[in-house]
Amino acid sequence: MQIQKYLDLDEDALTISCRQCGETLCDAEENYKEYSAMRTGPVTDAGPAFEPPEKLLGEDPHLEFRQFFCPSCGVLFDHEFAREDDPILHDIELDVDGMTT
């Protein structure tokens, strides 16, 4: 079952995998981003429309732009903005217990 443009859920094995290459990333209840290749950079890496945060907020909030890729084929799964010391966002949480009952 497709759970995101480039992520699949195997409902039998309860695993998340890359739709592009089939690489299994993790168990369904885990955060796939923790098993992805991650690149971090300044907010301005998101594109020319993004101003440095300190220009907008008046101080350096230590924000970064994170990108998450398949560790096998390199397809981009997702991105997020976060403070440098923030944990990786767990934005897709599946009800695994509900799938097995």
PDB file of N, CA and C in Angstrom:
ATOM      1  N   MET A   1       0.846  -1.167   0.000  1.00  0.00           N
ATOM      2  CA  MET A   1       0.000   0.000   0.000  1.00  0.00           C
ATOM      3  C   MET A   1       0.897   1.238   0.000  1.00  0.00           C
ATOM      4  N   GLN A   2       0.577   2.198  -0.859  1.00  0.00           N
ATOM      5  CA  GLN A   2       1.338   3.435  -0.930  1.00  0.00           C
ATOM      6  C   GLN A   2       0.975   4.331   0.256  1.00  0.00           C
ATOM      7  N   ILE A   3       1.997   4.795   0.996  1.00  0.00           N
ATOM      8  CA  ILE A   3       1.747   5.698   2.131  1.00  0.00           C
ATOM      9  C   ILE A   3       2.288   7.099   1.886  1.00  0.00           C
ATOM     10  N   GLN A   4       3.054   7.251   0.841  1.00  0.00           N
ATOM     11  CA  GLN A   4       3.625   8.534   0.455  1.00  0.00           C
ATOM     12  C   GLN A   4       4.118   8.341  -0.972  1.00  0.00           C
ATOM     13  N   LYS A   5       4.435   9.408  -1.686  1.00  0.00           N
ATOM     14  CA  LYS A   5       4.806   9.278  -3.102  1.00  0.00           C
ATOM     15  C   LYS A   5       5.877   8.213  -3.336  1.00  0.00           C
ATOM     16  N   TYR A   6       6.884   8.145  -2.471  1.00  0.00           N
ATOM     17  CA  TYR A   6       7.974   7.192  -2.661  1.00  0.00           C
ATOM     18  C   TYR A   6       8.099   6.180  -1.530  1.00  0.00           C
ATOM     19  N   LEU A   7       7.043   5.980  -0.753  1.00  0.00           N
ATOM     20  CA  LEU A   7       7.084   4.995   0.330  1.00  0.00           C
ATOM     21  C   LEU A   7       5.908   4.032   0.227  1.00  0.00           C
ATOM     22  N   ASP A   8       6.199   2.764   0.452  1.00  0.00           N
ATOM     23  CA  ASP A   8       5.191   1.704   0.476  1.00  0.00           C
ATOM     24  C   ASP A   8       5.147   1.048   1.844  1.00  0.00           C
ATOM     25  N   LEU A   9       3.978   0.559   2.203  1.00  0.00           N
ATOM     26  CA  LEU A   9       3.803  -0.255   3.391  1.00  0.00           C
ATOM     27  C   LEU A   9       3.510  -1.672   2.942  1.00  0.00           C
ATOM     28  N   ASP A  10       4.313  -2.621   3.385  1.00  0.00           N
ATOM     29  CA  ASP A  10       4.018  -4.039   3.167  1.00  0.00           C
ATOM     30  C   ASP A  10       3.137  -4.464   4.326  1.00  0.00           C
ATOM     31  N   GLU A  11       1.859  -4.683   4.037  1.00  0.00           N
ATOM     32  CA  GLU A  11       0.895  -4.985   5.096  1.00  0.00           C
ATOM     33  C   GLU A  11       1.091  -6.374   5.693  1.00  0.00           C
ATOM     34  N   ASP A  12       1.740  -7.279   4.970  1.00  0.00           N
ATOM     35  CA  ASP A  12       2.007  -8.612   5.516  1.00  0.00           C
ATOM     36  C   ASP A  12       3.228  -8.603   6.428  1.00  0.00           C
ATOM     37  N   ALA A  13       4.322  -8.004   5.940  1.00  0.00           N
ATOM     38  CA  ALA A  13       5.565  -7.957   6.722  1.00  0.00           C
ATOM     39  C   ALA A  13       5.583  -6.797   7.713  1.00  0.00           C
ATOM     40  N   LEU A  14       4.648  -5.841   7.548  1.00  0.00           N
ATOM     41  CA  LEU A  14       4.598  -4.628   8.373  1.00  0.00           C
ATOM     42  C   LEU A  14       5.930  -3.875   8.329  1.00  0.00           C
ATOM     43  N   THR A  15       6.368  -3.598   7.093  1.00  0.00           N
ATOM     44  CA  THR A  15       7.605  -2.844   6.880  1.00  0.00           C
ATOM     45  C   THR A  15       7.338  -1.701   5.906  1.00  0.00           C
ATOM     46  N   ILE A  16       8.194  -0.700   5.975  1.00  0.00           N
ATOM     47  CA  ILE A  16       8.149   0.438   5.058  1.00  0.00           C
ATOM     48  C   ILE A  16       9.322   0.307   4.102  1.00  0.00           C
ATOM     49  N   SER A  17       9.050   0.514   2.814  1.00  0.00           N
ATOM     50  CA  SER A  17      10.107   0.395   1.807  1.00  0.00           C
ATOM     51  C   SER A  17       9.999   1.513   0.773  1.00  0.00           C
ATOM     52  N   CYS A  18      11.053   1.672   0.004  1.00  0.00           N
ATOM     53  CA  CYS A  18      11.130   2.668  -1.062  1.00  0.00           C
ATOM     54  C   CYS A  18      10.333   2.168  -2.270  1.00  0.00           C
ATOM     55  N   ARG A  19       9.438   2.995  -2.774  1.00  0.00           N
ATOM     56  CA  ARG A  19       8.649   2.632  -3.959  1.00  0.00           C
ATOM     57  C   ARG A  19       9.503   2.627  -5.214  1.00  0.00           C
ATOM     58  N   GLN A  20      10.589   3.375  -5.224  1.00  0.00           N
ATOM     59  CA  GLN A  20      11.446   3.492  -6.404  1.00  0.00           C
ATOM     60  C   GLN A  20      12.288   2.235  -6.622  1.00  0.00           C
ATOM     61  N   CYS A  21      12.927   1.735  -5.553  1.00  0.00           N
ATOM     62  CA  CYS A  21      13.869   0.616  -5.723  1.00  0.00           C
ATOM     63  C   CYS A  21      13.498  -0.620  -4.906  1.00  0.00           C
ATOM     64  N   GLY A  22      12.527  -0.507  -3.992  1.00  0.00           N
ATOM     65  CA  GLY A  22      12.115  -1.648  -3.186  1.00  0.00           C
ATOM     66  C   GLY A  22      12.909  -1.864  -1.916  1.00  0.00           C
ATOM     67  N   GLU A  23      13.874  -1.020  -1.623  1.00  0.00           N
ATOM     68  CA  GLU A  23      14.699  -1.152  -0.411  1.00  0.00           C
ATOM     69  C   GLU A  23      13.831  -1.076   0.839  1.00  0.00           C
ATOM     70  N   THR A  24      13.917  -2.080   1.707  1.00  0.00           N
ATOM     71  CA  THR A  24      13.198  -2.051   2.979  1.00  0.00           C
ATOM     72  C   THR A  24      13.942  -1.136   3.934  1.00  0.00           C
ATOM     73  N   LEU A  25      13.209  -0.189   4.525  1.00  0.00           N
ATOM     74  CA  LEU A  25      13.820   0.795   5.412  1.00  0.00           C
ATOM     75  C   LEU A  25      13.696   0.414   6.881  1.00  0.00           C
ATOM     76  N   CYS A  26      12.481   0.026   7.300  1.00  0.00           N
ATOM     77  CA  CYS A  26      12.256  -0.198   8.727  1.00  0.00           C
ATOM     78  C   CYS A  26      10.922  -0.891   8.948  1.00  0.00           C
ATOM     79  N   ASP A  27      10.670  -1.239  10.208  1.00  0.00           N
ATOM     80  CA  ASP A  27       9.361  -1.767  10.591  1.00  0.00           C
ATOM     81  C   ASP A  27       8.340  -0.637  10.506  1.00  0.00           C
ATOM     82  N   ALA A  28       7.077  -0.978  10.306  1.00  0.00           N
ATOM     83  CA  ALA A  28       6.016   0.003  10.080  1.00  0.00           C
ATOM     84  C   ALA A  28       5.817   0.967  11.239  1.00  0.00           C
ATOM     85  N   GLU A  29       6.100   0.547  12.463  1.00  0.00           N
ATOM     86  CA  GLU A  29       5.883   1.451  13.602  1.00  0.00           C
ATOM     87  C   GLU A  29       7.063   2.396  13.839  1.00  0.00           C
ATOM     88  N   GLU A  30       8.135   2.239  13.095  1.00  0.00           N
ATOM     89  CA  GLU A  30       9.315   3.087  13.270  1.00  0.00           C
ATOM     90  C   GLU A  30       9.249   4.315  12.361  1.00  0.00           C
ATOM     91  N   ASN A  31      10.119   5.279  12.624  1.00  0.00           N
ATOM     92  CA  ASN A  31      10.220   6.493  11.822  1.00  0.00           C
ATOM     93  C   ASN A  31      11.161   6.224  10.655  1.00  0.00           C
ATOM     94  N   TYR A  32      10.602   6.165   9.451  1.00  0.00           N
ATOM     95  CA  TYR A  32      11.416   5.854   8.271  1.00  0.00           C
ATOM     96  C   TYR A  32      12.562   6.848   8.070  1.00  0.00           C
ATOM     97  N   LYS A  33      12.378   8.092   8.546  1.00  0.00           N
ATOM     98  CA  LYS A  33      13.433   9.090   8.377  1.00  0.00           C
ATOM     99  C   LYS A  33      14.701   8.711   9.139  1.00  0.00           C
ATOM    100  N   GLU A  34      14.539   7.987  10.236  1.00  0.00           N
ATOM    101  CA  GLU A  34      15.697   7.543  11.025  1.00  0.00           C
ATOM    102  C   GLU A  34      16.555   6.543  10.246  1.00  0.00           C
ATOM    103  N   TYR A  35      15.997   5.930   9.218  1.00  0.00           N
ATOM    104  CA  TYR A  35      16.696   4.918   8.421  1.00  0.00           C
ATOM    105  C   TYR A  35      17.031   5.430   7.033  1.00  0.00           C
ATOM    106  N   SER A  36      16.729   6.683   6.783  1.00  0.00           N
ATOM    107  CA  SER A  36      17.015   7.315   5.502  1.00  0.00           C
ATOM    108  C   SER A  36      18.385   7.982   5.547  1.00  0.00           C
ATOM    109  N   ALA A  37      18.934   8.250   4.369  1.00  0.00           N
ATOM    110  CA  ALA A  37      20.124   9.084   4.288  1.00  0.00           C
ATOM    111  C   ALA A  37      19.653  10.519   4.484  1.00  0.00           C
ATOM    112  N   MET A  38      20.352  11.276   5.327  1.00  0.00           N
ATOM    113  CA  MET A  38      19.931  12.642   5.624  1.00  0.00           C
ATOM    114  C   MET A  38      21.036  13.622   5.256  1.00  0.00           C
ATOM    115  N   ARG A  39      20.618  14.694   4.589  1.00  0.00           N
ATOM    116  CA  ARG A  39      21.546  15.787   4.290  1.00  0.00           C
ATOM    117  C   ARG A  39      20.998  17.021   4.987  1.00  0.00           C
ATOM    118  N   THR A  40      21.856  17.760   5.678  1.00  0.00           N
ATOM    119  CA  THR A  40      21.439  18.988   6.351  1.00  0.00           C
ATOM    120  C   THR A  40      22.186  20.164   5.744  1.00  0.00           C
ATOM    121  N   GLY A  41      21.543  21.309   5.798  1.00  0.00           N
ATOM    122  CA  GLY A  41      22.166  22.523   5.292  1.00  0.00           C
ATOM    123  C   GLY A  41      21.415  23.728   5.797  1.00  0.00           C
ATOM    124  N   PRO A  42      21.846  24.905   5.380  1.00  0.00           N
ATOM    125  CA  PRO A  42      21.146  26.117   5.806  1.00  0.00           C
ATOM    126  C   PRO A  42      19.759  26.189   5.165  1.00  0.00           C
ATOM    127  N   VAL A  43      18.873  26.952   5.774  1.00  0.00           N
ATOM    128  CA  VAL A  43      17.513  27.121   5.266  1.00  0.00           C
ATOM    129  C   VAL A  43      17.524  27.570   3.811  1.00  0.00           C
ATOM    130  N   THR A  44      18.493  28.360   3.436  1.00  0.00           N
ATOM    131  CA  THR A  44      18.573  28.869   2.062  1.00  0.00           C
ATOM    132  C   THR A  44      18.792  27.753   1.041  1.00  0.00           C
ATOM    133  N   ASP A  45      19.197  26.556   1.473  1.00  0.00           N
ATOM    134  CA  ASP A  45      19.330  25.416   0.551  1.00  0.00           C
ATOM    135  C   ASP A  45      17.981  24.982  -0.016  1.00  0.00           C
ATOM    136  N   ALA A  46      16.892  25.412   0.620  1.00  0.00           N
ATOM    137  CA  ALA A  46      15.556  25.053   0.152  1.00  0.00           C
ATOM    138  C   ALA A  46      15.191  25.803  -1.128  1.00  0.00           C
ATOM    139  N   GLY A  47      15.917  26.836  -1.462  1.00  0.00           N
ATOM    140  CA  GLY A  47      15.672  27.573  -2.691  1.00  0.00           C
ATOM    141  C   GLY A  47      15.799  29.068  -2.495  1.00  0.00           C
ATOM    142  N   PRO A  48      15.779  29.798  -3.590  1.00  0.00           N
ATOM    143  CA  PRO A  48      16.016  31.242  -3.519  1.00  0.00           C
ATOM    144  C   PRO A  48      14.926  32.027  -2.802  1.00  0.00           C
ATOM    145  N   ALA A  49      13.740  31.457  -2.633  1.00  0.00           N
ATOM    146  CA  ALA A  49      12.658  32.167  -1.944  1.00  0.00           C
ATOM    147  C   ALA A  49      12.827  32.183  -0.429  1.00  0.00           C
ATOM    148  N   PHE A  50      13.741  31.389   0.099  1.00  0.00           N
ATOM    149  CA  PHE A  50      13.920  31.278   1.547  1.00  0.00           C
ATOM    150  C   PHE A  50      15.049  32.180   2.022  1.00  0.00           C
ATOM    151  N   GLU A  51      14.674  33.148   2.841  1.00  0.00           N
ATOM    152  CA  GLU A  51      15.630  34.087   3.415  1.00  0.00           C
ATOM    153  C   GLU A  51      16.353  33.439   4.591  1.00  0.00           C
ATOM    154  N   PRO A  52      17.560  33.869   4.895  1.00  0.00           N
ATOM    155  CA  PRO A  52      18.199  33.392   6.123  1.00  0.00           C
ATOM    156  C   PRO A  52      17.300  33.705   7.318  1.00  0.00           C
ATOM    157  N   PRO A  53      17.087  32.754   8.230  1.00  0.00           N
ATOM    158  CA  PRO A  53      16.162  32.962   9.351  1.00  0.00           C
ATOM    159  C   PRO A  53      16.470  34.186  10.195  1.00  0.00           C
ATOM    160  N   GLU A  54      17.750  34.484  10.393  1.00  0.00           N
ATOM    161  CA  GLU A  54      18.103  35.631  11.231  1.00  0.00           C
ATOM    162  C   GLU A  54      17.648  36.946  10.589  1.00  0.00           C
ATOM    163  N   LYS A  55      17.530  36.972   9.276  1.00  0.00           N
ATOM    164  CA  LYS A  55      17.048  38.175   8.588  1.00  0.00           C
ATOM    165  C   LYS A  55      15.572  38.416   8.906  1.00  0.00           C
ATOM    166  N   LEU A  56      14.807  37.350   9.048  1.00  0.00           N
ATOM    167  CA  LEU A  56      13.379  37.468   9.337  1.00  0.00           C
ATOM    168  C   LEU A  56      13.084  37.561  10.834  1.00  0.00           C
ATOM    169  N   LEU A  57      13.858  36.847  11.645  1.00  0.00           N
ATOM    170  CA  LEU A  57      13.559  36.740  13.073  1.00  0.00           C
ATOM    171  C   LEU A  57      14.414  37.652  13.952  1.00  0.00           C
ATOM    172  N   GLY A  58      15.431  38.292  13.377  1.00  0.00           N
ATOM    173  CA  GLY A  58      16.239  39.235  14.133  1.00  0.00           C
ATOM    174  C   GLY A  58      17.379  38.624  14.926  1.00  0.00           C
ATOM    175  N   GLU A  59      17.462  37.309  14.948  1.00  0.00           N
ATOM    176  CA  GLU A  59      18.574  36.634  15.626  1.00  0.00           C
ATOM    177  C   GLU A  59      18.792  35.294  14.934  1.00  0.00           C
ATOM    178  N   ASP A  60      19.859  34.616  15.231  1.00  0.00           N
ATOM    179  CA  ASP A  60      20.145  33.333  14.606  1.00  0.00           C
ATOM    180  C   ASP A  60      19.440  32.224  15.380  1.00  0.00           C
ATOM    181  N   PRO A  61      18.342  31.679  14.859  1.00  0.00           N
ATOM    182  CA  PRO A  61      17.606  30.642  15.588  1.00  0.00           C
ATOM    183  C   PRO A  61      18.187  29.234  15.377  1.00  0.00           C
ATOM    184  N   HIS A  62      19.317  29.141  14.697  1.00  0.00           N
ATOM    185  CA  HIS A  62      19.980  27.856  14.454  1.00  0.00           C
ATOM    186  C   HIS A  62      19.053  26.863  13.743  1.00  0.00           C
ATOM    187  N   LEU A  63      18.386  27.340  12.704  1.00  0.00           N
ATOM    188  CA  LEU A  63      17.522  26.476  11.906  1.00  0.00           C
ATOM    189  C   LEU A  63      18.323  25.818  10.799  1.00  0.00           C
ATOM    190  N   GLU A  64      17.869  24.631  10.405  1.00  0.00           N
ATOM    191  CA  GLU A  64      18.506  23.940   9.292  1.00  0.00           C
ATOM    192  C   GLU A  64      17.435  23.329   8.388  1.00  0.00           C
ATOM    193  N   PHE A  65      17.835  23.031   7.176  1.00  0.00           N
ATOM    194  CA  PHE A  65      16.996  22.379   6.191  1.00  0.00           C
ATOM    195  C   PHE A  65      17.483  20.936   6.087  1.00  0.00           C
ATOM    196  N   ARG A  66      16.591  19.988   6.377  1.00  0.00           N
ATOM    197  CA  ARG A  66      16.944  18.564   6.345  1.00  0.00           C
ATOM    198  C   ARG A  66      16.257  17.896   5.160  1.00  0.00           C
ATOM    199  N   GLN A  67      17.010  17.072   4.449  1.00  0.00           N
ATOM    200  CA  GLN A  67      16.456  16.290   3.347  1.00  0.00           C
ATOM    201  C   GLN A  67      16.699  14.813   3.641  1.00  0.00           C
ATOM    202  N   PHE A  68      15.689  13.983   3.320  1.00  0.00           N
ATOM    203  CA  PHE A  68      15.748  12.552   3.604  1.00  0.00           C
ATOM    204  C   PHE A  68      15.640  11.770   2.302  1.00  0.00           C
ATOM    205  N   PHE A  69      16.625  10.904   2.060  1.00  0.00           N
ATOM    206  CA  PHE A  69      16.738  10.164   0.815  1.00  0.00           C
ATOM    207  C   PHE A  69      16.753   8.658   1.066  1.00  0.00           C
ATOM    208  N   CYS A  70      16.369   7.897   0.048  1.00  0.00           N
ATOM    209  CA  CYS A  70      16.540   6.447   0.118  1.00  0.00           C
ATOM    210  C   CYS A  70      18.032   6.157   0.186  1.00  0.00           C
ATOM    211  N   PRO A  71      18.468   5.346   1.143  1.00  0.00           N
ATOM    212  CA  PRO A  71      19.899   5.041   1.245  1.00  0.00           C
ATOM    213  C   PRO A  71      20.395   4.141   0.108  1.00  0.00           C
ATOM    214  N   SER A  72      19.477   3.564  -0.639  1.00  0.00           N
ATOM    215  CA  SER A  72      19.861   2.673  -1.732  1.00  0.00           C
ATOM    216  C   SER A  72      19.894   3.393  -3.084  1.00  0.00           C
ATOM    217  N   CYS A  73      18.788   4.049  -3.457  1.00  0.00           N
ATOM    218  CA  CYS A  73      18.721   4.652  -4.795  1.00  0.00           C
ATOM    219  C   CYS A  73      18.832   6.173  -4.795  1.00  0.00           C
ATOM    220  N   GLY A  74      18.679   6.806  -3.630  1.00  0.00           N
ATOM    221  CA  GLY A  74      18.853   8.251  -3.531  1.00  0.00           C
ATOM    222  C   GLY A  74      17.624   9.090  -3.822  1.00  0.00           C
ATOM    223  N   VAL A  75      16.463   8.471  -4.043  1.00  0.00           N
ATOM    224  CA  VAL A  75      15.253   9.262  -4.288  1.00  0.00           C
ATOM    225  C   VAL A  75      14.913  10.071  -3.036  1.00  0.00           C
ATOM    226  N   LEU A  76      14.459  11.310  -3.242  1.00  0.00           N
ATOM    227  CA  LEU A  76      14.113  12.197  -2.125  1.00  0.00           C
ATOM    228  C   LEU A  76      12.750  11.817  -1.577  1.00  0.00           C
ATOM    229  N   PHE A  77      12.707  11.417  -0.299  1.00  0.00           N
ATOM    230  CA  PHE A  77      11.452  11.080   0.362  1.00  0.00           C
ATOM    231  C   PHE A  77      10.747  12.315   0.901  1.00  0.00           C
ATOM    232  N   ASP A  78      11.491  13.172   1.604  1.00  0.00           N
ATOM    233  CA  ASP A  78      10.849  14.267   2.313  1.00  0.00           C
ATOM    234  C   ASP A  78      11.905  15.287   2.730  1.00  0.00           C
ATOM    235  N   HIS A  79      11.437  16.394   3.259  1.00  0.00           N
ATOM    236  CA  HIS A  79      12.322  17.427   3.817  1.00  0.00           C
ATOM    237  C   HIS A  79      11.596  18.092   4.980  1.00  0.00           C
ATOM    238  N   GLU A  80      12.368  18.776   5.797  1.00  0.00           N
ATOM    239  CA  GLU A  80      11.790  19.499   6.927  1.00  0.00           C
ATOM    240  C   GLU A  80      12.733  20.615   7.346  1.00  0.00           C
ATOM    241  N   PHE A  81      12.169  21.621   8.001  1.00  0.00           N
ATOM    242  CA  PHE A  81      12.941  22.679   8.639  1.00  0.00           C
ATOM    243  C   PHE A  81      12.896  22.411  10.129  1.00  0.00           C
ATOM    244  N   ALA A  82      14.031  22.573  10.799  1.00  0.00           N
ATOM    245  CA  ALA A  82      14.076  22.305  12.232  1.00  0.00           C
ATOM    246  C   ALA A  82      15.244  23.047  12.861  1.00  0.00           C
ATOM    247  N   ARG A  83      15.173  23.190  14.174  1.00  0.00           N
ATOM    248  CA  ARG A  83      16.344  23.688  14.894  1.00  0.00           C
ATOM    249  C   ARG A  83      17.405  22.599  14.847  1.00  0.00           C
ATOM    250  N   GLU A  84      18.644  22.995  14.875  1.00  0.00           N
ATOM    251  CA  GLU A  84      19.745  22.043  14.746  1.00  0.00           C
ATOM    252  C   GLU A  84      19.692  20.920  15.769  1.00  0.00           C
ATOM    253  N   ASP A  85      19.203  21.203  16.985  1.00  0.00           N
ATOM    254  CA  ASP A  85      19.194  20.192  18.039  1.00  0.00           C
ATOM    255  C   ASP A  85      17.839  19.495  18.193  1.00  0.00           C
ATOM    256  N   ASP A  86      16.873  19.808  17.330  1.00  0.00           N
ATOM    257  CA  ASP A  86      15.573  19.133  17.380  1.00  0.00           C
ATOM    258  C   ASP A  86      15.693  17.696  16.879  1.00  0.00           C
ATOM    259  N   PRO A  87      14.914  16.779  17.462  1.00  0.00           N
ATOM    260  CA  PRO A  87      14.899  15.415  16.921  1.00  0.00           C
ATOM    261  C   PRO A  87      14.240  15.408  15.543  1.00  0.00           C
ATOM    262  N   ILE A  88      14.477  14.357  14.812  1.00  0.00           N
ATOM    263  CA  ILE A  88      13.857  14.199  13.497  1.00  0.00           C
ATOM    264  C   ILE A  88      12.358  14.030  13.690  1.00  0.00           C
ATOM    265  N   LEU A  89      11.591  14.785  12.906  1.00  0.00           N
ATOM    266  CA  LEU A  89      10.134  14.740  12.989  1.00  0.00           C
ATOM    267  C   LEU A  89       9.606  13.368  12.570  1.00  0.00           C
ATOM    268  N   HIS A  90       8.742  12.804  13.397  1.00  0.00           N
ATOM    269  CA  HIS A  90       8.077  11.526  13.072  1.00  0.00           C
ATOM    270  C   HIS A  90       6.694  11.891  12.548  1.00  0.00           C
ATOM    271  N   ASP A  91       6.602  12.138  11.246  1.00  0.00           N
ATOM    272  CA  ASP A  91       5.381  12.694  10.677  1.00  0.00           C
ATOM    273  C   ASP A  91       4.413  11.661  10.098  1.00  0.00           C
ATOM    274  N   ILE A  92       4.851  10.428   9.930  1.00  0.00           N
ATOM    275  CA  ILE A  92       3.961   9.361   9.471  1.00  0.00           C
ATOM    276  C   ILE A  92       3.968   8.270  10.535  1.00  0.00           C
ATOM    277  N   GLU A  93       2.895   8.222  11.309  1.00  0.00           N
ATOM    278  CA  GLU A  93       2.773   7.201  12.348  1.00  0.00           C
ATOM    279  C   GLU A  93       1.599   6.291  11.987  1.00  0.00           C
ATOM    280  N   LEU A  94       1.899   5.037  11.743  1.00  0.00           N
ATOM    281  CA  LEU A  94       0.892   4.078  11.306  1.00  0.00           C
ATOM    282  C   LEU A  94       0.323   3.298  12.486  1.00  0.00           C
ATOM    283  N   ASP A  95      -0.944   3.013  12.437  1.00  0.00           N
ATOM    284  CA  ASP A  95      -1.612   2.226  13.475  1.00  0.00           C
ATOM    285  C   ASP A  95      -1.405   0.737  13.166  1.00  0.00           C
ATOM    286  N   VAL A  96      -0.249   0.233  13.541  1.00  0.00           N
ATOM    287  CA  VAL A  96       0.123  -1.156  13.247  1.00  0.00           C
ATOM    288  C   VAL A  96      -0.812  -2.116  13.959  1.00  0.00           C
ATOM    289  N   ASP A  97      -1.174  -1.823  15.211  1.00  0.00           N
ATOM    290  CA  ASP A  97      -2.078  -2.697  15.962  1.00  0.00           C
ATOM    291  C   ASP A  97      -3.431  -2.799  15.248  1.00  0.00           C
ATOM    292  N   GLY A  98      -3.913  -1.705  14.694  1.00  0.00           N
ATOM    293  CA  GLY A  98      -5.172  -1.700  13.982  1.00  0.00           C
ATOM    294  C   GLY A  98      -5.117  -2.503  12.684  1.00  0.00           C
ATOM    295  N   MET A  99      -3.941  -2.665  12.125  1.00  0.00           N
ATOM    296  CA  MET A  99      -3.786  -3.425  10.882  1.00  0.00           C
ATOM    297  C   MET A  99      -3.809  -4.924  11.126  1.00  0.00           C
ATOM    298  N   THR A 100      -3.413  -5.336  12.311  1.00  0.00           N
ATOM    299  CA  THR A 100      -3.270  -6.776  12.582  1.00  0.00           C
ATOM    300  C   THR A 100      -4.490  -7.369  13.268  1.00  0.00           C
ATOM    301  N   THR A 101      -5.480  -6.546  13.583  1.00  0.00           N
ATOM    302  CA  THR A 101      -6.665  -7.086  14.267  1.00  0.00           C
ATOM    303  C   THR A 101      -7.818  -7.267  13.307  1.00  0.00           C
TER     304      THR A 101
END
